Amino acid sequence: MDFVAIDFETANERRDSACAIGLTEVQDGIAKESIYHLIRPTEMRFSPWNTRVHGIRAEDVSDAPSLTELWPTIRHLIQDRLIIAHNASFDLSVLRYSFHSASLTIPQISYLCSLQMARRTWPNLASHSLGFLAEIHGLVLEHHHAGSDSRACAELTILAAKALGVDCPLRLADELNITVGEVFSSEDWIPSTAPKCQHNSEMIEITLPDGYDLSRHPFHQKSVVFTGTLTMFRREDAIRIVELFGGKSSSTVTSATNYLVVGVQDIRQMANGSGESSKMKKARQLQEKGSSIQIISDADFNELIFHPSGE
């Protein structure tokens, strides 16, 4: 059971703005000590939104190494290795874009996504966000600290392998019918078309790139219901975001509901066994009857907004 778990934090909405990296190497099924580095991004612009999430500010990285300076130190943990990340489409995109921005040759790696593996290993859980899974499995997690997140990703992968009785991440992927991704060294690059966000304590403004195809977004023509307190957005902002992408928000869960977004308080109640909200109970009843309604955390909601298609 050998692999390296990775996690990035970014300074702003751009995926070439890596400002921290966490790496946890697993050898023979045992997670070694996690490695954490701050990174000085090419553009020293820190979004209030991103800082709110991870707490890193421009002054914290002013003396940190650039990715170019850091790369010789961490190359052995990334180049030609099997990498696992939670929501790998985001972290591998940050890796590729940040290397491209730094004029570094993009490393050749194979990768798996622990989020996909968790969804298929524990399909009945209400959420598969890193925070929820860590709480359910009793893992220590300082969420959005890249080193801690990478360690939780590593430990969850080990737990998933044990649950399926395998001792190799590639066998785990095979058991779960998950394709191993590949990143190849290349100078070719396709710009991201992900939405961009400006955020402060008073307002949130999301702007879409010219020509952005709303029909590609998962909230387009979908019905979204919220329950509990959201940590990422105020409820009115979240509703406005859904409408921006051509969806609609409702106050009740019905057979027409596509997503139920569960706030942090409801997640904690589920984790400690103290019950579910009426909206959650209704959603589960609909699922049992064959409804395709998806129950997601507010962290999952955030990921769907800004990383809708694994770009």
Protein backbone atom coordinates (compact mmCIF):
# COMPACT_ATOMS: atom_id res chain seq x y z
CA MET A 1 0.00 0.00 0.00
CA ASP A 2 2.27 2.75 -1.30
CA PHE A 3 1.17 6.20 -2.51
CA VAL A 4 1.42 9.92 -1.71
CA ALA A 5 -1.59 11.99 -0.64
CA ILE A 6 -1.51 15.62 -1.74
CA ASP A 7 -3.47 18.78 -0.97
CA PHE A 8 -3.16 22.36 -2.21
CA GLU A 9 -4.51 25.67 -0.95
CA THR A 10 -4.77 28.59 -3.36
CA ALA A 11 -4.38 32.34 -2.89
CA ASN A 12 -7.30 33.30 -5.10
CA GLU A 13 -9.75 31.93 -7.65
CA ARG A 14 -7.00 31.13 -10.17
CA ARG A 15 -5.70 27.59 -10.15
CA ASP A 16 -2.14 28.72 -10.74
CA SER A 17 -2.11 30.48 -7.33
CA ALA A 18 -0.94 27.61 -5.07
CA CYS A 19 0.06 29.09 -1.71
CA ALA A 20 0.43 25.90 0.36
CA ILE A 21 1.03 22.22 -0.25
CA GLY A 22 0.64 19.20 1.99
CA LEU A 23 2.12 15.77 1.24
CA THR A 24 1.70 12.55 3.19
CA GLU A 25 3.62 9.50 2.00
CA VAL A 26 2.20 6.05 2.72
CA GLN A 27 4.58 3.09 2.74
CA ASP A 28 3.39 -0.47 3.37
CA GLY A 29 0.02 0.87 4.49
CA ILE A 30 1.45 3.23 7.11
CA ALA A 31 1.19 7.03 6.80
CA LYS A 32 4.50 8.76 7.45
CA GLU A 33 4.88 12.24 8.91
CA SER A 34 3.12 14.84 6.77
CA ILE A 35 5.14 17.51 4.97
CA TYR A 36 3.79 21.06 4.76
CA HIS A 37 5.15 24.03 2.84
CA LEU A 38 3.89 27.54 2.23
CA ILE A 39 4.42 28.68 -1.37
CA ARG A 40 4.91 32.19 -2.68
CA PRO A 41 2.57 32.33 -5.71
CA THR A 42 3.54 34.03 -8.94
CA GLU A 43 0.87 36.68 -8.36
CA MET A 44 0.73 37.89 -4.75
CA ARG A 45 -3.01 38.48 -4.75
CA PHE A 46 -4.97 36.89 -1.91
CA SER A 47 -8.74 36.79 -2.19
CA PRO A 48 -10.63 37.51 1.07
CA TRP A 49 -12.72 34.44 0.23
CA ASN A 50 -9.72 32.11 0.06
CA THR A 51 -8.13 33.61 3.19
CA ARG A 52 -11.40 33.09 5.01
CA VAL A 53 -11.22 29.40 4.14
CA HIS A 54 -7.56 28.61 4.93
CA GLY A 55 -6.31 31.64 6.91
CA ILE A 56 -3.22 32.25 4.77
CA ARG A 57 -2.42 35.88 3.90
CA ALA A 58 0.10 37.52 1.57
CA GLU A 59 2.39 38.46 4.47
CA ASP A 60 2.52 34.79 5.53
CA VAL A 61 4.15 33.76 2.25
CA SER A 62 6.28 36.82 1.48
CA ASP A 63 9.43 34.94 2.55
CA ALA A 64 8.23 31.49 1.44
CA PRO A 65 9.89 29.73 -1.52
CA SER A 66 8.33 29.93 -4.95
CA LEU A 67 7.23 26.65 -6.52
CA THR A 68 10.38 26.75 -8.66
CA GLU A 69 12.54 27.02 -5.53
CA LEU A 70 10.54 24.38 -3.65
CA TRP A 71 10.34 21.79 -6.43
CA PRO A 72 13.78 20.14 -5.89
CA THR A 73 12.78 19.49 -2.26
CA ILE A 74 9.48 17.76 -3.02
CA ARG A 75 10.14 16.29 -6.49
CA HIS A 76 10.75 12.77 -5.12
CA LEU A 77 7.26 12.74 -3.58
CA ILE A 78 5.44 13.70 -6.79
CA GLN A 79 7.35 12.81 -9.95
CA ASP A 80 6.43 9.34 -11.29
CA ARG A 81 4.41 8.57 -8.15
CA LEU A 82 0.84 7.46 -7.53
CA ILE A 83 -0.86 10.56 -6.10
CA ILE A 84 -4.18 10.55 -4.25
CA ALA A 85 -6.18 13.68 -3.44
CA HIS A 86 -9.66 14.37 -2.09
CA ASN A 87 -11.45 15.87 -5.10
CA ALA A 88 -8.41 15.16 -7.24
CA SER A 89 -9.73 17.13 -10.21
CA PHE A 90 -9.12 20.32 -8.22
CA ASP A 91 -5.72 19.49 -6.71
CA LEU A 92 -4.31 18.03 -9.92
CA SER A 93 -5.57 21.07 -11.81
CA VAL A 94 -3.80 23.35 -9.30
CA LEU A 95 -0.63 21.30 -9.73
CA ARG A 96 -0.73 21.49 -13.52
CA TYR A 97 -1.62 25.18 -13.72
CA SER A 98 0.89 26.21 -11.06
CA PHE A 99 3.69 24.32 -12.79
CA HIS A 100 2.74 25.89 -16.09
CA SER A 101 2.70 29.38 -14.53
CA ALA A 102 6.14 28.77 -12.99
CA SER A 103 7.51 27.56 -16.36
CA LEU A 104 8.28 24.18 -14.83
CA THR A 105 7.88 20.93 -16.75
CA ILE A 106 4.65 19.38 -15.57
CA PRO A 107 5.53 16.13 -13.75
CA GLN A 108 4.30 12.81 -15.06
CA ILE A 109 2.15 11.09 -12.44
CA SER A 110 -0.74 8.69 -11.96
CA TYR A 111 -3.53 9.71 -9.61
CA LEU A 112 -6.70 8.61 -7.85
CA CYS A 113 -9.45 10.53 -6.10
CA SER A 114 -10.26 9.62 -2.49
CA LEU A 115 -13.60 11.44 -2.82
CA GLN A 116 -14.68 9.02 -5.55
CA MET A 117 -13.36 6.08 -3.54
CA ALA A 118 -15.20 7.22 -0.40
CA ARG A 119 -18.48 7.63 -2.28
CA ARG A 120 -18.28 4.05 -3.53
CA THR A 121 -16.91 2.54 -0.32
CA TRP A 122 -19.45 4.19 1.99
CA PRO A 123 -22.37 5.03 -0.35
CA ASN A 124 -24.94 5.52 2.43
CA LEU A 125 -23.19 8.40 4.18
CA ALA A 126 -24.95 11.77 4.02
CA SER A 127 -21.79 13.52 2.82
CA HIS A 128 -18.37 12.56 1.54
CA SER A 129 -16.62 15.85 2.22
CA LEU A 130 -13.26 15.51 3.93
CA GLY A 131 -14.50 17.15 7.13
CA PHE A 132 -17.53 14.89 7.44
CA LEU A 133 -15.57 11.71 6.70
CA ALA A 134 -12.89 12.66 9.22
CA GLU A 135 -15.53 13.19 11.90
CA ILE A 136 -17.33 9.95 11.09
CA HIS A 137 -14.10 7.93 11.19
CA GLY A 138 -12.59 9.71 14.20
CA LEU A 139 -9.66 11.22 12.32
CA VAL A 140 -7.82 14.29 13.57
CA LEU A 141 -8.27 17.07 11.03
CA GLU A 142 -7.42 20.75 10.89
CA HIS A 143 -9.49 21.35 7.80
CA HIS A 144 -7.94 23.50 5.03
CA HIS A 145 -4.46 23.10 6.49
CA ALA A 146 -2.83 21.37 3.52
CA GLY A 147 -0.69 19.06 5.64
CA SER A 148 -3.62 17.94 7.79
CA ASP A 149 -5.89 17.53 4.76
CA SER A 150 -3.32 15.38 2.96
CA ARG A 151 -2.98 13.15 6.03
CA ALA A 152 -6.75 12.71 6.33
CA CYS A 153 -6.87 11.82 2.63
CA ALA A 154 -4.15 9.20 3.18
CA GLU A 155 -5.87 7.72 6.24
CA LEU A 156 -9.24 7.55 4.49
CA THR A 157 -7.67 5.70 1.57
CA ILE A 158 -6.12 3.21 3.97
CA LEU A 159 -9.50 2.74 5.72
CA ALA A 160 -11.25 2.21 2.38
CA ALA A 161 -8.71 -0.42 1.40
CA LYS A 162 -9.20 -2.23 4.71
CA ALA A 163 -12.98 -2.08 4.28
CA LEU A 164 -12.67 -3.86 0.93
CA GLY A 165 -9.94 -6.23 2.08
CA VAL A 166 -7.25 -5.07 -0.36
CA ASP A 167 -3.69 -3.93 0.25
CA CYS A 168 -2.98 -1.87 -2.86
CA PRO A 169 -4.55 1.43 -3.99
CA LEU A 170 -4.64 0.21 -7.60
CA ARG A 171 -6.52 -2.91 -6.52
CA LEU A 172 -8.82 -0.66 -4.49
CA ALA A 173 -9.54 1.40 -7.61
CA ASP A 174 -10.18 -1.79 -9.58
CA GLU A 175 -12.59 -3.09 -6.93
CA LEU A 176 -14.48 0.22 -7.02
CA ASN A 177 -14.40 0.45 -10.84
CA ILE A 178 -12.49 3.75 -10.74
CA THR A 179 -10.13 4.72 -13.53
CA VAL A 180 -6.58 5.72 -12.65
CA GLY A 181 -5.90 9.20 -14.00
CA GLU A 182 -2.68 10.23 -15.72
CA VAL A 183 -0.82 13.53 -15.96
CA PHE A 184 1.80 13.72 -18.71
CA SER A 185 4.69 16.15 -19.10
CA SER A 186 3.55 18.62 -21.75
CA GLU A 187 3.77 22.27 -22.63
CA ASP A 188 0.27 22.25 -24.09
CA TRP A 189 -2.34 23.95 -21.95
CA ILE A 190 -6.05 24.68 -22.01
CA PRO A 191 -7.15 27.73 -19.95
CA SER A 192 -9.69 27.21 -17.19
CA THR A 193 -13.24 28.43 -17.77
CA ALA A 194 -14.27 28.10 -14.13
CA PRO A 195 -16.36 30.88 -12.54
CA LYS A 196 -14.51 33.53 -10.55
CA CYS A 197 -15.50 34.90 -7.17
CA GLN A 198 -14.93 38.15 -5.30
CA HIS A 199 -15.89 38.03 -1.64
CA ASN A 200 -15.70 40.14 1.49
CA SER A 201 -17.69 40.50 4.69
CA GLU A 202 -20.37 42.58 2.95
CA MET A 203 -20.99 40.94 -0.39
CA ILE A 204 -20.16 38.15 -2.79
CA GLU A 205 -19.93 38.66 -6.53
CA ILE A 206 -19.41 35.84 -8.99
CA THR A 207 -18.49 36.70 -12.55
CA LEU A 208 -18.58 34.27 -15.45
CA PRO A 209 -16.02 34.26 -18.28
CA ASP A 210 -17.15 35.54 -21.68
CA GLY A 211 -19.05 32.85 -23.49
CA TYR A 212 -19.50 30.68 -20.39
CA ASP A 213 -21.97 27.90 -21.19
CA LEU A 214 -24.47 27.78 -18.32
CA SER A 215 -25.84 24.46 -19.54
CA ARG A 216 -22.53 22.84 -18.51
CA HIS A 217 -23.03 23.72 -14.84
CA PRO A 218 -24.55 21.10 -12.49
CA PHE A 219 -27.04 23.65 -11.05
CA HIS A 220 -28.45 24.60 -14.45
CA GLN A 221 -32.21 23.91 -14.51
CA LYS A 222 -31.91 22.10 -11.17
CA SER A 223 -33.87 22.54 -7.94
CA VAL A 224 -31.77 23.12 -4.81
CA VAL A 225 -32.94 23.10 -1.19
CA PHE A 226 -30.88 24.22 1.81
CA THR A 227 -31.06 23.01 5.40
CA GLY A 228 -29.07 24.13 8.45
CA THR A 229 -26.44 26.86 8.76
CA LEU A 230 -24.06 27.28 5.86
CA THR A 231 -20.41 28.06 6.66
CA MET A 232 -19.33 29.19 3.20
CA PHE A 233 -22.21 31.50 2.27
CA ARG A 234 -25.17 33.30 3.73
CA ARG A 235 -28.41 31.58 2.70
CA GLU A 236 -29.49 34.49 0.48
CA ASP A 237 -26.11 34.46 -1.29
CA ALA A 238 -26.32 30.71 -1.87
CA ILE A 239 -29.79 31.07 -3.39
CA ARG A 240 -28.57 33.87 -5.66
CA ILE A 241 -25.65 31.70 -6.81
CA VAL A 242 -27.98 28.85 -7.77
CA GLU A 243 -30.13 31.29 -9.74
CA LEU A 244 -27.03 32.73 -11.47
CA PHE A 245 -26.36 29.30 -12.97
CA GLY A 246 -29.93 28.92 -14.17
CA GLY A 247 -31.23 26.86 -11.24
CA LYS A 248 -33.89 27.56 -8.67
CA SER A 249 -34.13 27.27 -4.90
CA SER A 250 -37.06 25.93 -2.94
CA SER A 251 -37.84 25.88 0.77
CA THR A 252 -39.21 22.32 0.75
CA VAL A 253 -37.93 18.94 -0.39
CA THR A 254 -40.11 17.34 -3.06
CA SER A 255 -39.75 14.72 -5.78
CA ALA A 256 -38.57 17.55 -8.06
CA THR A 257 -35.61 18.41 -5.81
CA ASN A 258 -32.20 17.65 -7.32
CA TYR A 259 -29.88 18.74 -4.47
CA LEU A 260 -30.30 19.06 -0.71
CA VAL A 261 -27.42 21.13 0.68
CA VAL A 262 -26.80 20.27 4.33
CA GLY A 263 -25.30 22.89 6.65
CA VAL A 264 -22.62 22.25 9.25
CA GLN A 265 -24.99 22.02 12.23
CA ASP A 266 -27.05 19.29 10.58
CA ILE A 267 -23.88 17.39 9.61
CA ARG A 268 -22.63 17.48 13.21
CA GLN A 269 -25.99 16.24 14.46
CA MET A 270 -25.85 13.32 12.04
CA ALA A 271 -22.25 12.56 12.98
CA ASN A 272 -22.99 12.35 16.70
CA GLY A 273 -26.25 10.47 16.20
CA SER A 274 -28.56 13.18 17.56
CA GLY A 275 -30.97 13.08 14.64
CA GLU A 276 -31.73 14.54 11.22
CA SER A 277 -33.68 17.57 10.09
CA SER A 278 -37.14 17.12 8.56
CA LYS A 279 -35.71 18.02 5.13
CA MET A 280 -33.03 15.36 5.49
CA LYS A 281 -35.58 12.73 6.49
CA LYS A 282 -37.75 13.63 3.50
CA ALA A 283 -34.77 13.43 1.15
CA ARG A 284 -33.83 9.99 2.47
CA GLN A 285 -37.40 8.77 2.04
CA LEU A 286 -37.33 9.94 -1.57
CA GLN A 287 -33.98 8.22 -2.15
CA GLU A 288 -35.43 4.96 -0.82
CA LYS A 289 -38.23 5.30 -3.36
CA GLY A 290 -35.71 5.63 -6.17
CA SER A 291 -35.31 9.41 -6.37
CA SER A 292 -31.98 10.69 -7.72
CA ILE A 293 -31.85 13.58 -5.22
CA GLN A 294 -28.27 14.23 -4.08
CA ILE A 295 -27.54 15.11 -0.44
CA ILE A 296 -24.39 17.24 -0.24
CA SER A 297 -22.59 19.32 2.38
CA ASP A 298 -22.08 23.06 2.03
CA ALA A 299 -18.39 22.28 1.28
CA ASP A 300 -19.57 20.05 -1.59
CA PHE A 301 -21.82 22.93 -2.72
CA ASN A 302 -18.79 25.22 -2.82
CA GLU A 303 -16.83 22.71 -4.90
CA LEU A 304 -19.67 22.36 -7.41
CA ILE A 305 -19.80 26.14 -7.87
CA PHE A 306 -16.15 26.69 -8.69
CA HIS A 307 -15.03 23.26 -9.97
CA PRO A 308 -18.12 21.96 -11.76
CA SER A 309 -16.48 19.74 -14.36
CA GLY A 310 -13.04 18.78 -13.05
CA GLU A 311 -11.24 21.40 -15.12
